[in-house]
Amino acid sequence: MTNAVVGLVTCSSRTEARKVARTILKKKLAACVNIIGGLESHYWWRGKLETARECLLLIKTTRARVSSVVNAVKAAHSYEVPEVIFLPVVAGERNYLTWLRSSIAKVAVTLLVFAFVGTARADRIDDLVKQLGSTNDEERADAADALTHIGGSRVEKQFREMLTSSSPEKRQEAVIGLLQVSDAAEDLERAHTLLKDENSIVRWSAVTALQTSGRAEAIPWLVEVEKSDTTDSVREAATEALGKLRSSIHWLRSLPDAEKQARQLNKPVLAYFFLRDSEFCQKLEEGLLADKAVIDVAEEFVCVRIDATKQGDDARKLDVRGAPTILLLDGAGNEMSRVAGLVGKEQLLAKLDEAKRSKLTFREARRLAIQSPADVQANWKVAETYLEEGREDLAEPHLRNVIEHDEENQYGYTDKAMFALGFALGKRGEYAQAAYSFEKLLGRWPEYKDKDKALYCLGLSQLAVGQKEKGRARLEQLLQEFPNNSIAKSAQAALDKLKAKEGNSEKSN
């Protein structure tokens, strides 16, 4: 018995089947989903014999993902009671089962991390190491997967020792596991040596591991494998790996190396700080950083991928407080801009475009802003950067400088600064000052581009300080001018809550 399963899900149409399949695959809950059309289904439903044309999904995944697949299907499906059943895979071709596990291995890290936090003690690792000696393929694979979830220097050492094992199965598991827990150049070179292993399954696994690592250094090695390996499946795997590596961002792994190369090539640096077990980092990597438009623009940068835990000195040096964080640096290491957390594609592309055009760096802007409060552009640059990081307290003095020194909004920042200031004040509970800022904003610029948001924030701030009629009027104005957007729904909810509160007050009197 393996740990693989096949899920069966029927859908009302091919369109719905594709929607459900995309939902499952985007969440990395399955390695493959097949859609079979033309089914004629006959079934009982609420006492009646029914018939329908349907499509069938075949979902290839593992036992650990079953509950997550069920939840994903139910969220995307139109049926009141969708069919979601799973059949065990008793046996299968070893390469295919290895590919299935490795294709969704990253999700396992995210989903299981909480089970290991605080419990990954030496005895747990000892148990898993013992399990690696099992004669059962699936038990060994499960142990290797669990060790990759734990990570750390001891797990890395274990995988390195397994690379020299006389057992091909252990070498296979080791190379896949090692490049999931280590970015070290010497470990990449160890995977390189296994491309010449005597066992074709080990060579195939080394190719798969190098593809998953995303390391551009592996491209020439894989070109050689594609040309000269004696096994068809290994050459085919190399061809697929080359396609993916060539169409992805080419990451360095050392900030000093990236800065050196940036100076040589006269390019800015894109430094991506990540946490290995972060769901948010995984979403960024599989979504935004895999987008073709972002990949194309990234070619104009020297890109470096930095483990914020292992390379903590770099994170502290650049004041990185969380992950994911993307910093854009000039060749001298000066910060030009940063993007913290999950962001939209357009926002990131705008930041990259700004850095390409070599606008004022953050460090230089901060220096100029401290020297001259009247430097509107420098103060807005600093304020905008702090706001994007969620550090409103540091942004506030620079927002006030922008407002004070450009009342006519000649630079186009003053209206945005007033909104940001009002939001920052409201966030820390200073509702009277927040309301004043929003009132001033709408008084000066009645057609402000984010008027709906300003009205909503103003209305809530006024309600918070007891100005019920003023707050009600602003929220009603929002409903009248923007009846169909999402903020209007929030405004209606606030008005309903106010009405209910007033009704309860009248009853108690």
Protein backbone atom coordinates (compact mmCIF):
# COMPACT_ATOMS: atom_id res chain seq x y z
CA MET A 1 0.00 0.00 0.00
CA THR A 2 1.29 3.50 -0.89
CA ASN A 3 0.36 6.87 0.64
CA ALA A 4 -1.04 8.01 -2.72
CA VAL A 5 -4.78 8.26 -3.43
CA VAL A 6 -6.98 9.09 -6.42
CA GLY A 7 -9.95 11.37 -5.80
CA LEU A 8 -13.13 11.16 -7.87
CA VAL A 9 -15.27 14.29 -8.26
CA THR A 10 -18.18 14.76 -10.69
CA CYS A 11 -19.00 18.23 -12.06
CA SER A 12 -21.98 19.65 -13.93
CA SER A 13 -19.93 20.92 -16.89
CA ARG A 14 -16.43 21.09 -18.31
CA THR A 15 -16.29 24.77 -17.27
CA GLU A 16 -16.99 23.87 -13.65
CA ALA A 17 -14.59 20.93 -13.83
CA ARG A 18 -11.80 23.24 -14.98
CA LYS A 19 -12.62 25.70 -12.20
CA VAL A 20 -12.43 23.00 -9.53
CA ALA A 21 -9.24 21.57 -11.03
CA ARG A 22 -7.56 24.99 -11.06
CA THR A 23 -8.59 25.60 -7.44
CA ILE A 24 -6.98 22.33 -6.33
CA LEU A 25 -3.80 22.78 -8.37
CA LYS A 26 -3.26 26.43 -7.41
CA LYS A 27 -3.28 25.38 -3.77
CA LYS A 28 -0.72 22.65 -4.62
CA LEU A 29 -3.08 20.03 -3.16
CA ALA A 30 -2.56 17.59 -6.02
CA ALA A 31 0.13 16.70 -8.52
CA CYS A 32 -2.27 16.15 -11.43
CA VAL A 33 -6.00 16.44 -12.18
CA ASN A 34 -7.56 14.78 -15.24
CA ILE A 35 -10.93 15.83 -16.69
CA ILE A 36 -13.03 13.14 -18.39
CA GLY A 37 -16.06 14.42 -20.29
CA GLY A 38 -19.16 12.79 -21.71
CA LEU A 39 -20.32 10.95 -18.58
CA GLU A 40 -23.98 9.98 -18.35
CA SER A 41 -24.89 9.77 -14.67
CA HIS A 42 -27.96 8.05 -13.22
CA TYR A 43 -28.65 8.50 -9.51
CA TRP A 44 -31.20 8.90 -6.76
CA TRP A 45 -31.74 12.42 -5.41
CA ARG A 46 -34.38 13.23 -2.81
CA GLY A 47 -36.51 10.24 -3.67
CA LYS A 48 -36.39 10.68 -7.44
CA LEU A 49 -34.39 8.87 -10.08
CA GLU A 50 -32.34 11.52 -11.92
CA THR A 51 -30.05 11.56 -14.93
CA ALA A 52 -27.47 14.16 -15.99
CA ARG A 53 -24.51 14.81 -18.26
CA GLU A 54 -21.37 15.32 -16.16
CA CYS A 55 -17.59 15.49 -16.21
CA LEU A 56 -15.35 13.44 -13.92
CA LEU A 57 -12.19 14.68 -12.21
CA LEU A 58 -9.40 12.23 -11.36
CA ILE A 59 -7.30 13.87 -8.65
CA LYS A 60 -3.84 12.39 -7.95
CA THR A 61 -2.73 13.34 -4.45
CA THR A 62 -1.68 11.87 -1.07
CA ARG A 63 -3.58 10.78 2.01
CA ALA A 64 -2.35 13.81 3.97
CA ARG A 65 -4.09 16.18 1.51
CA VAL A 66 -7.49 14.47 1.46
CA SER A 67 -9.29 16.80 3.90
CA SER A 68 -7.80 19.89 2.22
CA VAL A 69 -8.93 18.65 -1.21
CA VAL A 70 -12.45 18.04 0.15
CA ASN A 71 -12.61 21.60 1.50
CA ALA A 72 -11.29 23.07 -1.76
CA VAL A 73 -13.83 21.14 -3.84
CA LYS A 74 -16.75 22.15 -1.62
CA ALA A 75 -15.71 25.82 -1.82
CA ALA A 76 -15.52 25.80 -5.64
CA HIS A 77 -18.37 23.41 -6.51
CA SER A 78 -21.96 24.28 -7.47
CA TYR A 79 -23.54 21.08 -6.12
CA GLU A 80 -25.22 21.08 -2.74
CA VAL A 81 -23.66 17.66 -2.06
CA PRO A 82 -20.70 17.18 -4.42
CA GLU A 83 -19.30 13.69 -4.93
CA VAL A 84 -15.82 13.57 -3.39
CA ILE A 85 -14.45 10.09 -2.81
CA PHE A 86 -10.92 8.73 -2.63
CA LEU A 87 -9.47 5.38 -3.63
CA PRO A 88 -6.12 4.12 -2.31
CA VAL A 89 -3.26 3.45 -4.73
CA VAL A 90 -2.10 -0.05 -3.84
CA ALA A 91 1.06 0.15 -5.97
CA GLY A 92 2.53 2.20 -8.79
CA GLU A 93 5.58 2.98 -10.87
CA ARG A 94 8.24 4.29 -8.45
CA ASN A 95 9.28 7.33 -10.51
CA TYR A 96 5.67 8.45 -10.84
CA LEU A 97 4.97 8.11 -7.11
CA THR A 98 8.16 10.02 -6.29
CA TRP A 99 7.13 12.79 -8.70
CA LEU A 100 3.67 12.91 -7.12
CA ARG A 101 5.09 13.40 -3.62
CA SER A 102 7.73 15.93 -4.70
CA SER A 103 5.18 17.95 -6.72
CA ILE A 104 3.22 18.78 -3.57
CA ALA A 105 6.04 18.65 -1.05
CA LYS A 106 6.06 22.42 -0.52
CA VAL A 107 2.46 22.35 0.58
CA ALA A 108 3.33 19.71 3.15
CA VAL A 109 5.79 22.11 4.74
CA THR A 110 3.14 24.79 5.04
CA LEU A 111 0.36 22.54 6.27
CA LEU A 112 2.38 20.55 8.79
CA VAL A 113 4.63 23.21 10.20
CA PHE A 114 2.42 23.79 13.23
CA ALA A 115 2.63 20.14 14.16
CA PHE A 116 6.39 20.38 14.41
CA VAL A 117 6.91 23.81 15.95
CA GLY A 118 8.22 23.26 19.45
CA THR A 119 8.15 19.44 19.09
CA ALA A 120 10.96 18.79 16.63
CA ARG A 121 13.16 17.44 19.41
CA ALA A 122 16.06 15.09 19.02
CA ASP A 123 13.90 12.08 19.85
CA ARG A 124 11.52 12.92 16.99
CA ILE A 125 14.40 13.15 14.53
CA ASP A 126 15.82 9.91 15.94
CA ASP A 127 12.52 8.14 15.28
CA LEU A 128 12.40 9.39 11.71
CA VAL A 129 16.02 8.45 11.06
CA LYS A 130 15.22 4.92 12.25
CA GLN A 131 12.20 4.90 9.92
CA LEU A 132 14.54 5.70 7.02
CA GLY A 133 15.94 2.20 7.52
CA SER A 134 12.58 0.58 6.83
CA THR A 135 12.27 -1.95 4.03
CA ASN A 136 8.93 -0.35 3.06
CA ASP A 137 9.31 2.28 0.34
CA GLU A 138 6.38 4.36 1.57
CA GLU A 139 7.54 4.40 5.19
CA ARG A 140 10.97 5.64 4.12
CA ALA A 141 9.43 8.28 1.85
CA ASP A 142 7.13 9.49 4.66
CA ALA A 143 10.11 9.76 7.03
CA ALA A 144 12.11 11.75 4.45
CA ASP A 145 9.13 14.08 3.91
CA ALA A 146 8.74 14.62 7.66
CA LEU A 147 12.44 15.44 8.03
CA THR A 148 12.20 18.09 5.30
CA HIS A 149 9.36 19.68 7.29
CA ILE A 150 11.57 19.87 10.38
CA GLY A 151 14.71 21.09 8.59
CA GLY A 152 17.75 22.37 10.46
CA SER A 153 21.43 21.45 10.52
CA ARG A 154 20.91 17.92 11.85
CA VAL A 155 18.45 17.06 9.08
CA GLU A 156 20.81 18.52 6.48
CA LYS A 157 23.63 16.38 7.89
CA GLN A 158 21.44 13.26 7.76
CA PHE A 159 20.57 13.82 4.10
CA ARG A 160 24.24 14.45 3.23
CA GLU A 161 25.21 11.14 4.82
CA MET A 162 22.46 9.36 2.89
CA LEU A 163 23.84 10.69 -0.41
CA THR A 164 26.77 8.27 -0.08
CA SER A 165 24.63 5.29 0.91
CA SER A 166 24.97 2.03 -1.02
CA SER A 167 21.16 2.01 -1.29
CA PRO A 168 19.85 3.77 -4.45
CA GLU A 169 16.53 4.39 -2.67
CA LYS A 170 18.26 6.30 0.12
CA ARG A 171 20.33 8.35 -2.34
CA GLN A 172 17.13 9.16 -4.21
CA GLU A 173 15.30 10.33 -1.06
CA ALA A 174 18.36 12.24 0.14
CA VAL A 175 18.90 14.37 -2.94
CA ILE A 176 15.24 15.41 -3.09
CA GLY A 177 15.19 16.19 0.65
CA LEU A 178 18.51 17.99 0.83
CA LEU A 179 17.69 20.66 -1.74
CA GLN A 180 14.40 21.33 0.04
CA VAL A 181 16.15 22.18 3.33
CA SER A 182 19.43 23.69 2.12
CA ASP A 183 20.44 26.46 -0.28
CA ALA A 184 24.17 25.91 0.31
CA ALA A 185 26.36 25.89 -2.80
CA GLU A 186 28.14 22.73 -1.64
CA ASP A 187 24.82 20.90 -1.40
CA LEU A 188 23.93 21.99 -4.90
CA GLU A 189 27.26 20.55 -6.03
CA ARG A 190 26.42 17.29 -4.22
CA ALA A 191 23.20 17.06 -6.24
CA HIS A 192 25.28 17.76 -9.35
CA THR A 193 27.46 14.71 -8.69
CA LEU A 194 24.39 12.47 -8.54
CA LEU A 195 23.59 13.34 -12.15
CA LYS A 196 26.33 10.78 -12.90
CA ASP A 197 25.03 8.15 -10.47
CA GLU A 198 25.02 4.57 -11.74
CA ASN A 199 21.32 4.24 -10.93
CA SER A 200 18.90 5.90 -13.38
CA ILE A 201 16.25 6.52 -10.69
CA VAL A 202 18.80 8.42 -8.59
CA ARG A 203 19.81 10.49 -11.65
CA TRP A 204 16.13 11.20 -12.38
CA SER A 205 15.62 12.30 -8.76
CA ALA A 206 18.66 14.60 -8.92
CA VAL A 207 17.20 16.25 -12.02
CA THR A 208 13.85 16.71 -10.26
CA ALA A 209 15.54 18.16 -7.17
CA LEU A 210 17.56 20.64 -9.23
CA GLN A 211 14.42 21.74 -11.06
CA THR A 212 12.58 22.31 -7.76
CA SER A 213 15.54 24.26 -6.34
CA GLY A 214 15.18 26.92 -9.03
CA ARG A 215 18.97 27.29 -9.30
CA ALA A 216 20.15 28.73 -12.61
CA GLU A 217 23.60 27.20 -11.97
CA ALA A 218 22.05 23.83 -12.77
CA ILE A 219 21.14 24.75 -16.36
CA PRO A 220 24.45 23.72 -18.02
CA TRP A 221 24.48 20.49 -16.00
CA LEU A 222 20.97 19.64 -17.17
CA VAL A 223 21.87 20.48 -20.78
CA GLU A 224 24.57 17.81 -20.58
CA VAL A 225 22.09 15.31 -19.08
CA GLU A 226 19.58 16.08 -21.83
CA LYS A 227 22.20 15.34 -24.46
CA SER A 228 24.04 12.36 -23.04
CA ASP A 229 22.13 10.39 -20.41
CA THR A 230 21.47 6.84 -21.50
CA THR A 231 17.94 6.62 -20.04
CA ASP A 232 14.94 8.14 -21.83
CA SER A 233 13.07 9.12 -18.65
CA VAL A 234 16.11 11.00 -17.28
CA ARG A 235 16.63 12.90 -20.55
CA GLU A 236 12.92 13.78 -20.67
CA ALA A 237 13.03 14.99 -17.06
CA ALA A 238 16.06 17.16 -17.89
CA THR A 239 14.21 18.70 -20.85
CA GLU A 240 11.26 19.58 -18.62
CA ALA A 241 13.53 20.96 -15.89
CA LEU A 242 15.40 23.15 -18.38
CA GLY A 243 12.15 24.59 -19.66
CA LYS A 244 11.07 25.59 -16.17
CA LEU A 245 14.45 26.91 -15.04
CA ARG A 246 14.92 28.99 -18.18
CA SER A 247 11.50 30.58 -17.79
CA SER A 248 11.87 31.52 -14.13
CA ILE A 249 13.77 34.18 -12.18
CA HIS A 250 17.46 33.33 -11.84
CA TRP A 251 18.27 33.69 -8.15
CA LEU A 252 21.65 34.11 -6.51
CA ARG A 253 21.90 32.99 -2.86
CA SER A 254 24.37 35.53 -1.41
CA LEU A 255 23.73 39.25 -0.93
CA PRO A 256 27.45 40.20 -1.22
CA ASP A 257 27.67 38.21 -4.48
CA ALA A 258 24.56 39.96 -5.78
CA GLU A 259 25.90 43.42 -4.90
CA LYS A 260 29.24 42.61 -6.55
CA GLN A 261 27.53 41.41 -9.72
CA ALA A 262 25.22 44.45 -9.70
CA ARG A 263 28.21 46.78 -9.70
CA GLN A 264 29.85 44.85 -12.54
CA LEU A 265 26.69 44.85 -14.65
CA ASN A 266 25.47 48.30 -13.58
CA LYS A 267 22.13 46.84 -12.51
CA PRO A 268 20.01 47.28 -9.40
CA VAL A 269 19.50 44.39 -6.96
CA LEU A 270 16.20 42.64 -6.23
CA ALA A 271 16.62 41.00 -2.82
CA TYR A 272 13.82 38.62 -1.83
CA PHE A 273 13.75 37.67 1.85
CA PHE A 274 11.73 34.53 2.60
CA LEU A 275 10.97 32.08 5.38
CA ARG A 276 11.15 28.47 4.30
CA ASP A 277 7.91 27.38 5.99
CA SER A 278 5.85 30.51 5.30
CA GLU A 279 2.54 30.06 3.51
CA PHE A 280 2.68 33.71 2.42
CA CYS A 281 6.13 33.26 0.87
CA GLN A 282 4.90 30.19 -0.95
CA LYS A 283 1.93 32.13 -2.35
CA LEU A 284 4.22 34.94 -3.51
CA GLU A 285 6.64 32.52 -5.19
CA GLU A 286 3.95 30.46 -6.92
CA GLY A 287 1.91 33.48 -7.93
CA LEU A 288 3.56 36.87 -8.39
CA LEU A 289 7.18 35.74 -8.73
CA ALA A 290 6.13 33.12 -11.30
CA ASP A 291 4.23 35.67 -13.40
CA LYS A 292 5.76 36.15 -16.85
CA ALA A 293 5.58 39.96 -16.72
CA VAL A 294 7.44 40.00 -13.39
CA ILE A 295 10.00 37.45 -14.62
CA ASP A 296 10.65 39.55 -17.75
CA VAL A 297 11.26 42.73 -15.73
CA ALA A 298 13.39 40.86 -13.19
CA GLU A 299 15.94 40.16 -15.94
CA GLU A 300 16.97 43.80 -15.60
CA PHE A 301 17.95 43.19 -11.95
CA VAL A 302 20.46 41.00 -10.17
CA CYS A 303 18.11 38.82 -8.14
CA VAL A 304 19.03 37.22 -4.83
CA ARG A 305 16.91 34.89 -2.68
CA ILE A 306 17.75 35.18 1.02
CA ASP A 307 16.61 32.87 3.82
CA ALA A 308 15.71 35.40 6.53
CA THR A 309 16.38 32.81 9.25
CA LYS A 310 19.73 31.45 8.09
CA GLN A 311 20.99 34.81 6.81
CA GLY A 312 19.70 36.87 9.72
CA ASP A 313 22.62 39.30 9.60
CA ASP A 314 21.55 40.45 6.14
CA ALA A 315 17.95 40.85 7.37
CA ARG A 316 19.05 42.92 10.37
CA LYS A 317 21.42 45.01 8.29
CA LEU A 318 18.61 45.99 5.93
CA ASP A 319 15.95 46.27 8.66
CA VAL A 320 13.82 43.44 7.28
CA ARG A 321 11.20 42.68 9.94
CA GLY A 322 9.11 40.02 8.23
CA ALA A 323 8.73 37.81 5.22
CA PRO A 324 8.04 37.92 2.39
CA THR A 325 9.87 41.19 1.81
CA ILE A 326 11.38 42.42 -1.45
CA LEU A 327 14.06 45.11 -1.32
CA LEU A 328 15.30 47.01 -4.36
CA LEU A 329 18.89 48.17 -3.89
CA ASP A 330 21.37 50.12 -5.94
CA GLY A 331 24.85 48.75 -6.64
CA ALA A 332 26.18 50.29 -3.43
CA GLY A 333 23.55 48.50 -1.33
CA ASN A 334 21.40 51.58 -0.76
CA GLU A 335 17.70 50.87 -0.49
CA MET A 336 15.64 52.39 -3.29
CA SER A 337 12.33 50.82 -2.34
CA ARG A 338 10.73 47.86 -0.61
CA VAL A 339 7.59 45.76 -0.83
CA ALA A 340 6.54 43.93 2.32
CA GLY A 341 3.98 41.11 2.40
CA LEU A 342 1.67 39.92 -0.36
CA VAL A 343 1.11 42.68 -2.92
CA GLY A 344 -0.58 43.08 -6.27
CA LYS A 345 1.17 42.63 -9.58
CA GLU A 346 0.75 46.25 -10.64
CA GLN A 347 2.22 47.55 -7.39
CA LEU A 348 5.32 45.39 -7.71
CA LEU A 349 5.80 46.22 -11.38
CA ALA A 350 5.53 49.94 -10.56
CA LYS A 351 8.23 49.57 -7.91
CA LEU A 352 10.48 47.68 -10.30
CA ASP A 353 9.96 50.30 -12.99
CA GLU A 354 10.80 53.06 -10.53
CA ALA A 355 14.02 51.31 -9.51
CA LYS A 356 15.01 50.76 -13.15
CA ARG A 357 14.71 54.48 -13.75
CA SER A 358 17.07 55.06 -10.81
CA LYS A 359 14.83 57.38 -8.84
CA LEU A 360 15.76 58.66 -5.39
CA THR A 361 16.83 55.83 -3.09
CA PHE A 362 15.15 55.42 0.29
CA ARG A 363 18.38 56.04 2.17
CA GLU A 364 19.07 59.25 0.26
CA ALA A 365 15.44 60.34 0.61
CA ARG A 366 15.57 59.84 4.37
CA ARG A 367 18.76 61.87 4.61
CA LEU A 368 17.25 64.72 2.57
CA ALA A 369 13.97 64.61 4.50
CA ILE A 370 15.79 64.95 7.83
CA GLN A 371 17.86 67.84 6.49
CA SER A 372 14.92 69.63 4.88
CA PRO A 373 11.29 69.17 6.03
CA ALA A 374 10.31 71.31 3.03
CA ASP A 375 11.64 68.71 0.54
CA VAL A 376 8.22 67.36 -0.43
CA GLN A 377 9.43 64.61 -2.75
CA ALA A 378 11.94 63.21 -0.25
CA ASN A 379 9.42 63.28 2.59
CA TRP A 380 6.77 61.54 0.51
CA LYS A 381 9.27 58.86 -0.59
CA VAL A 382 10.12 58.12 3.06
CA ALA A 383 6.49 58.23 4.20
CA GLU A 384 5.33 55.95 1.38
CA THR A 385 8.00 53.36 2.20
CA TYR A 386 7.11 53.33 5.91
CA LEU A 387 3.39 53.05 5.12
CA GLU A 388 3.95 50.02 2.91
CA GLU A 389 5.77 48.35 5.79
CA GLY A 390 2.92 49.15 8.20
CA ARG A 391 5.06 51.56 10.24
CA GLU A 392 2.59 54.44 10.36
CA ASP A 393 4.27 55.96 13.44
CA LEU A 394 7.47 56.55 11.46
CA ALA A 395 5.56 57.80 8.43
CA GLU A 396 3.49 60.40 10.30
CA PRO A 397 6.05 63.25 10.65
CA HIS A 398 6.91 62.96 6.95
CA LEU A 399 3.21 63.01 5.99
CA ARG A 400 2.77 66.20 8.01
CA ASN A 401 5.79 67.74 6.25
CA VAL A 402 4.25 67.00 2.85
CA ILE A 403 0.91 68.54 3.87
CA GLU A 404 2.50 71.62 5.44
CA HIS A 405 4.91 72.42 2.62
CA ASP A 406 2.72 71.70 -0.41
CA GLU A 407 -0.77 72.93 0.44
CA GLU A 408 -1.55 73.43 -3.26
CA ASN A 409 -0.62 69.84 -4.10
CA GLN A 410 1.81 70.86 -6.82
CA TYR A 411 3.69 67.56 -6.53
CA GLY A 412 0.52 65.46 -6.39
CA TYR A 413 1.23 63.96 -2.97
CA THR A 414 -0.68 66.16 -0.52
CA ASP A 415 -4.13 64.60 -0.99
CA LYS A 416 -2.67 61.12 -0.57
CA ALA A 417 -0.72 62.29 2.48
CA MET A 418 -3.90 63.63 4.11
CA PHE A 419 -5.69 60.33 3.54
CA ALA A 420 -2.73 58.33 4.88
CA LEU A 421 -2.45 60.57 7.92
CA GLY A 422 -6.15 60.20 8.69
CA PHE A 423 -5.90 56.43 8.32
CA ALA A 424 -2.83 56.26 10.59
CA LEU A 425 -4.54 58.38 13.27
CA GLY A 426 -7.70 56.31 13.11
CA LYS A 427 -5.72 53.08 13.33
CA ARG A 428 -4.30 54.09 16.71
CA GLY A 429 -7.64 55.35 18.01
CA GLU A 430 -7.22 59.13 17.61
CA TYR A 431 -10.59 59.41 15.88
CA ALA A 432 -11.17 63.15 16.32
CA GLN A 433 -7.90 64.02 14.60
CA ALA A 434 -8.55 61.37 11.96
CA ALA A 435 -11.97 62.87 11.21
CA TYR A 436 -10.40 66.34 10.92
CA SER A 437 -7.85 65.04 8.39
CA PHE A 438 -10.52 63.33 6.25
CA GLU A 439 -12.81 66.40 6.40
CA LYS A 440 -9.96 68.63 5.30
CA LEU A 441 -9.14 66.22 2.46
CA LEU A 442 -12.70 66.09 1.10
CA GLY A 443 -13.13 69.82 1.57
CA ARG A 444 -10.05 70.57 -0.53
CA TRP A 445 -10.51 67.78 -3.08
CA PRO A 446 -14.19 66.77 -3.23
CA GLU A 447 -13.46 64.37 -6.12
CA TYR A 448 -10.48 62.68 -4.50
CA LYS A 449 -9.69 59.45 -6.39
CA ASP A 450 -10.43 57.27 -3.34
CA LYS A 451 -13.39 59.31 -2.22
CA ASP A 452 -15.39 56.21 -1.27
CA LYS A 453 -12.69 55.10 1.16
CA ALA A 454 -12.32 58.61 2.57
CA LEU A 455 -16.09 58.88 3.17
CA TYR A 456 -16.14 55.51 4.88
CA CYS A 457 -13.19 56.32 7.16
CA LEU A 458 -14.64 59.77 7.94
CA GLY A 459 -18.04 58.31 8.78
CA LEU A 460 -16.59 55.69 11.11
CA SER A 461 -14.31 58.24 12.79
CA GLN A 462 -17.25 60.57 13.44
CA LEU A 463 -19.35 57.73 14.86
CA ALA A 464 -16.44 56.76 17.11
CA VAL A 465 -16.35 60.22 18.72
CA GLY A 466 -20.13 60.36 19.17
CA GLN A 467 -21.00 62.51 16.13
CA LYS A 468 -23.78 60.15 15.09
CA GLU A 469 -25.63 62.41 12.68
CA LYS A 470 -22.48 63.54 10.90
CA GLY A 471 -21.22 59.96 10.67
CA ARG A 472 -24.58 58.71 9.42
CA ALA A 473 -24.71 61.45 6.78
CA ARG A 474 -21.23 60.58 5.44
CA LEU A 475 -22.04 56.87 5.21
CA GLU A 476 -25.35 57.61 3.49
CA GLN A 477 -23.50 59.88 1.06
CA LEU A 478 -21.18 56.97 0.30
CA LEU A 479 -24.16 54.70 -0.42
CA GLN A 480 -25.69 57.29 -2.71
CA GLU A 481 -22.54 58.04 -4.71
CA PHE A 482 -21.03 54.53 -4.76
CA PRO A 483 -23.99 52.16 -4.42
CA ASN A 484 -22.46 49.05 -5.93
CA ASN A 485 -18.91 48.74 -4.61
CA SER A 486 -17.64 46.64 -1.73
CA ILE A 487 -17.06 49.61 0.57
CA ALA A 488 -20.72 50.57 0.21
CA LYS A 489 -21.62 47.15 1.63
CA SER A 490 -19.43 47.83 4.64
CA ALA A 491 -21.05 51.26 5.03
CA GLN A 492 -24.50 49.70 4.97
CA ALA A 493 -23.43 47.20 7.61
CA ALA A 494 -22.20 50.07 9.82
CA LEU A 495 -25.51 51.90 9.38
CA ASP A 496 -27.47 48.74 10.20
CA LYS A 497 -25.41 48.25 13.32
CA LEU A 498 -26.00 51.88 14.35
CA LYS A 499 -29.75 51.51 13.77
CA ALA A 500 -29.89 48.32 15.82
CA LYS A 501 -27.94 49.94 18.63
CA GLU A 502 -30.30 52.94 18.66
CA GLY A 503 -33.30 50.56 18.64
CA ASN A 504 -31.98 48.67 21.64
CA SER A 505 -31.35 51.95 23.43
CA GLU A 506 -34.97 53.05 22.87
CA LYS A 507 -36.29 49.72 24.20
CA SER A 508 -34.21 49.99 27.36
CA ASN A 509 -35.62 53.46 27.97
